[in-house]
């Protein structure tokens, strides 16, 4: 996990033409903050979303692009699909994933999640 990757993600989101500026509802913001900042796999899920922002990919392609275990990617895709952040076209091995309409509309809300991840990464714990 690196701060430079987060800064790059932020830049991509801000330059994205997917969603115009709009107010994000509280429930959507809570969901995105939970999935991307409050769980162990949040950074990995963010990396997956950023890959899918470029083009639809299947699980195998994602695992190779991100240098992750295939089963780990499968798990993250199930979490993202269950929360309506990605959609699947096809079945089984060759199923292609792409961002859901819900996430495309609310993509700018990820900016807050990225900001929180940056704070978490630069925060130093001091024990007294």
C-alpha atoms as a PDB file:
ATOM      1  CA  UNK A   1       0.000   0.000   0.000  1.00  0.00           C
ATOM      2  CA  UNK A   2       1.522   3.324  -0.952  1.00  0.00           C
ATOM      3  CA  UNK A   3       0.585   6.964  -0.634  1.00  0.00           C
ATOM      4  CA  UNK A   4       1.705   7.612  -4.213  1.00  0.00           C
ATOM      5  CA  UNK A   5      -0.874   5.081  -5.465  1.00  0.00           C
ATOM      6  CA  UNK A   6      -3.588   6.809  -3.447  1.00  0.00           C
ATOM      7  CA  UNK A   7      -2.596  10.183  -4.873  1.00  0.00           C
ATOM      8  CA  UNK A   8      -2.703   8.704  -8.374  1.00  0.00           C
ATOM      9  CA  UNK A   9      -6.177   7.239  -7.706  1.00  0.00           C
ATOM     10  CA  UNK A  10      -7.362  10.616  -6.482  1.00  0.00           C
ATOM     11  CA  UNK A  11      -6.104  12.306  -9.639  1.00  0.00           C
ATOM     12  CA  UNK A  12      -7.864   9.746 -11.827  1.00  0.00           C
ATOM     13  CA  UNK A  13     -11.139  10.219  -9.948  1.00  0.00           C
ATOM     14  CA  UNK A  14     -10.973  13.990 -10.169  1.00  0.00           C
ATOM     15  CA  UNK A  15     -10.329  13.868 -13.891  1.00  0.00           C
ATOM     16  CA  UNK A  16     -13.003  11.217 -14.462  1.00  0.00           C
ATOM     17  CA  UNK A  17     -15.892  12.215 -16.674  1.00  0.00           C
ATOM     18  CA  UNK A  18     -18.136   9.445 -15.353  1.00  0.00           C
ATOM     19  CA  UNK A  19     -20.068  11.485 -12.855  1.00  0.00           C
ATOM     20  CA  UNK A  20     -20.811  15.197 -12.681  1.00  0.00           C
ATOM     21  CA  UNK A  21     -20.490  17.039  -9.366  1.00  0.00           C
ATOM     22  CA  UNK A  22     -23.433  16.050  -7.203  1.00  0.00           C
ATOM     23  CA  UNK A  23     -24.257  15.740  -3.549  1.00  0.00           C
ATOM     24  CA  UNK A  24     -23.635  12.244  -2.186  1.00  0.00           C
ATOM     25  CA  UNK A  25     -26.204  10.896   0.255  1.00  0.00           C
ATOM     26  CA  UNK A  26     -25.044   9.843   3.731  1.00  0.00           C
ATOM     27  CA  UNK A  27     -25.825   6.145   3.322  1.00  0.00           C
ATOM     28  CA  UNK A  28     -23.758   5.885   0.155  1.00  0.00           C
ATOM     29  CA  UNK A  29     -20.858   7.692   1.780  1.00  0.00           C
ATOM     30  CA  UNK A  30     -21.062   5.398   4.838  1.00  0.00           C
ATOM     31  CA  UNK A  31     -21.067   2.301   2.627  1.00  0.00           C
ATOM     32  CA  UNK A  32     -18.043   3.429   0.634  1.00  0.00           C
ATOM     33  CA  UNK A  33     -16.135   4.530   3.723  1.00  0.00           C
ATOM     34  CA  UNK A  34     -16.806   1.168   5.390  1.00  0.00           C
ATOM     35  CA  UNK A  35     -15.843  -0.959   2.383  1.00  0.00           C
ATOM     36  CA  UNK A  36     -12.692   0.978   1.539  1.00  0.00           C
ATOM     37  CA  UNK A  37     -11.366   2.262   4.889  1.00  0.00           C
ATOM     38  CA  UNK A  38     -12.791   0.209   7.764  1.00  0.00           C
ATOM     39  CA  UNK A  39     -12.031  -3.298   6.560  1.00  0.00           C
ATOM     40  CA  UNK A  40      -8.730  -5.071   5.988  1.00  0.00           C
ATOM     41  CA  UNK A  41      -9.202  -5.464   2.242  1.00  0.00           C
ATOM     42  CA  UNK A  42     -10.239  -1.875   1.587  1.00  0.00           C
ATOM     43  CA  UNK A  43      -7.085  -0.844  -0.258  1.00  0.00           C
ATOM     44  CA  UNK A  44      -7.230  -3.961  -2.444  1.00  0.00           C
ATOM     45  CA  UNK A  45     -10.873  -3.266  -3.284  1.00  0.00           C
ATOM     46  CA  UNK A  46      -9.926   0.299  -4.183  1.00  0.00           C
ATOM     47  CA  UNK A  47      -7.203  -1.009  -6.505  1.00  0.00           C
ATOM     48  CA  UNK A  48      -9.760  -3.312  -8.158  1.00  0.00           C
ATOM     49  CA  UNK A  49     -12.215  -0.452  -8.670  1.00  0.00           C
ATOM     50  CA  UNK A  50      -9.471   1.690 -10.206  1.00  0.00           C
ATOM     51  CA  UNK A  51      -8.627  -1.128 -12.654  1.00  0.00           C
ATOM     52  CA  UNK A  52     -12.286  -1.541 -13.587  1.00  0.00           C
ATOM     53  CA  UNK A  53     -12.567   2.204 -14.112  1.00  0.00           C
ATOM     54  CA  UNK A  54     -10.250   1.763 -17.105  1.00  0.00           C
ATOM     55  CA  UNK A  55     -11.893  -1.324 -18.625  1.00  0.00           C
ATOM     56  CA  UNK A  56     -13.974  -4.414 -17.775  1.00  0.00           C
ATOM     57  CA  UNK A  57     -11.874  -7.400 -16.681  1.00  0.00           C
ATOM     58  CA  UNK A  58     -12.439 -10.940 -15.471  1.00  0.00           C
ATOM     59  CA  UNK A  59     -11.132 -12.332 -12.179  1.00  0.00           C
ATOM     60  CA  UNK A  60      -8.080 -13.923 -13.754  1.00  0.00           C
ATOM     61  CA  UNK A  61      -7.081 -10.702 -15.518  1.00  0.00           C
ATOM     62  CA  UNK A  62      -7.516  -8.728 -12.291  1.00  0.00           C
ATOM     63  CA  UNK A  63      -5.394 -11.195 -10.320  1.00  0.00           C
ATOM     64  CA  UNK A  64      -2.596 -10.928 -12.883  1.00  0.00           C
ATOM     65  CA  UNK A  65      -2.772  -7.127 -13.244  1.00  0.00           C
ATOM     66  CA  UNK A  66      -2.768  -6.577  -9.478  1.00  0.00           C
ATOM     67  CA  UNK A  67      -0.377  -9.457  -8.696  1.00  0.00           C
ATOM     68  CA  UNK A  68      -2.851 -10.994  -6.250  1.00  0.00           C
ATOM     69  CA  UNK A  69      -4.004 -14.530  -5.527  1.00  0.00           C
ATOM     70  CA  UNK A  70      -6.970 -15.569  -7.694  1.00  0.00           C
ATOM     71  CA  UNK A  71      -9.031 -16.652  -4.652  1.00  0.00           C
ATOM     72  CA  UNK A  72      -8.402 -13.299  -2.944  1.00  0.00           C
ATOM     73  CA  UNK A  73      -9.667 -11.442  -6.011  1.00  0.00           C
ATOM     74  CA  UNK A  74     -12.714 -13.727  -6.115  1.00  0.00           C
ATOM     75  CA  UNK A  75     -13.478 -12.806  -2.502  1.00  0.00           C
ATOM     76  CA  UNK A  76     -13.162  -9.071  -3.136  1.00  0.00           C
ATOM     77  CA  UNK A  77     -15.329  -9.323  -6.253  1.00  0.00           C
ATOM     78  CA  UNK A  78     -18.061 -11.066  -4.239  1.00  0.00           C
ATOM     79  CA  UNK A  79     -17.934  -8.275  -1.637  1.00  0.00           C
ATOM     80  CA  UNK A  80     -18.074  -5.563  -4.305  1.00  0.00           C
ATOM     81  CA  UNK A  81     -20.875  -7.320  -6.204  1.00  0.00           C
ATOM     82  CA  UNK A  82     -22.901  -7.929  -3.030  1.00  0.00           C
ATOM     83  CA  UNK A  83     -22.720  -4.191  -2.266  1.00  0.00           C
ATOM     84  CA  UNK A  84     -23.735  -3.217  -5.815  1.00  0.00           C
ATOM     85  CA  UNK A  85     -20.397  -1.619  -6.715  1.00  0.00           C
ATOM     86  CA  UNK A  86     -19.596  -3.929  -9.635  1.00  0.00           C
ATOM     87  CA  UNK A  87     -21.723  -5.812 -12.131  1.00  0.00           C
ATOM     88  CA  UNK A  88     -20.937  -9.140 -13.756  1.00  0.00           C
ATOM     89  CA  UNK A  89     -21.583 -10.095 -17.361  1.00  0.00           C
ATOM     90  CA  UNK A  90     -21.335 -13.796 -18.078  1.00  0.00           C
ATOM     91  CA  UNK A  91     -20.936 -16.821 -15.890  1.00  0.00           C
ATOM     92  CA  UNK A  92     -18.176 -18.732 -14.140  1.00  0.00           C
ATOM     93  CA  UNK A  93     -14.544 -18.303 -15.173  1.00  0.00           C
ATOM     94  CA  UNK A  94     -15.013 -15.920 -18.087  1.00  0.00           C
ATOM     95  CA  UNK A  95     -17.388 -13.510 -16.334  1.00  0.00           C
ATOM     96  CA  UNK A  96     -16.409  -9.909 -16.999  1.00  0.00           C
ATOM     97  CA  UNK A  97     -16.767  -7.327 -14.243  1.00  0.00           C
ATOM     98  CA  UNK A  98     -17.399  -3.630 -14.692  1.00  0.00           C
ATOM     99  CA  UNK A  99     -18.403  -0.763 -12.429  1.00  0.00           C
ATOM    100  CA  UNK A 100     -22.093  -0.719 -11.577  1.00  0.00           C
ATOM    101  CA  UNK A 101     -24.288   2.234 -12.492  1.00  0.00           C
ATOM    102  CA  UNK A 102     -24.602   2.968  -8.771  1.00  0.00           C
ATOM    103  CA  UNK A 103     -20.824   3.339  -8.356  1.00  0.00           C
ATOM    104  CA  UNK A 104     -20.433   5.286 -11.595  1.00  0.00           C
ATOM    105  CA  UNK A 105     -22.994   7.817 -10.353  1.00  0.00           C
ATOM    106  CA  UNK A 106     -21.308   8.052  -6.940  1.00  0.00           C
ATOM    107  CA  UNK A 107     -17.675   7.642  -8.013  1.00  0.00           C
ATOM    108  CA  UNK A 108     -16.632  11.020  -6.616  1.00  0.00           C
ATOM    109  CA  UNK A 109     -17.518   9.839  -3.104  1.00  0.00           C
ATOM    110  CA  UNK A 110     -14.442   7.611  -3.276  1.00  0.00           C
ATOM    111  CA  UNK A 111     -12.359  10.775  -2.940  1.00  0.00           C
ATOM    112  CA  UNK A 112     -13.282  10.958   0.763  1.00  0.00           C
ATOM    113  CA  UNK A 113     -12.343   7.296   1.239  1.00  0.00           C
ATOM    114  CA  UNK A 114      -8.970   7.871  -0.421  1.00  0.00           C
ATOM    115  CA  UNK A 115      -8.352  10.891   1.800  1.00  0.00           C
ATOM    116  CA  UNK A 116      -9.106   8.823   4.910  1.00  0.00           C
ATOM    117  CA  UNK A 117      -6.790   6.021   3.726  1.00  0.00           C
ATOM    118  CA  UNK A 118      -4.019   8.585   3.244  1.00  0.00           C
ATOM    119  CA  UNK A 119      -4.506   9.826   6.807  1.00  0.00           C
ATOM    120  CA  UNK A 120      -4.445   6.259   8.137  1.00  0.00           C
ATOM    121  CA  UNK A 121      -1.217   5.509   6.313  1.00  0.00           C
ATOM    122  CA  UNK A 122       0.597   8.624   7.546  1.00  0.00           C
ATOM    123  CA  UNK A 123      -0.689   8.388  11.119  1.00  0.00           C
ATOM    124  CA  UNK A 124       2.012   7.352  13.558  1.00  0.00           C
ATOM    125  CA  UNK A 125       1.068   5.530  16.737  1.00  0.00           C
ATOM    126  CA  UNK A 126       2.782   6.783  19.854  1.00  0.00           C
ATOM    127  CA  UNK A 127       2.768   4.536  22.897  1.00  0.00           C
ATOM    128  CA  UNK A 128       3.260   6.060  26.304  1.00  0.00           C
END
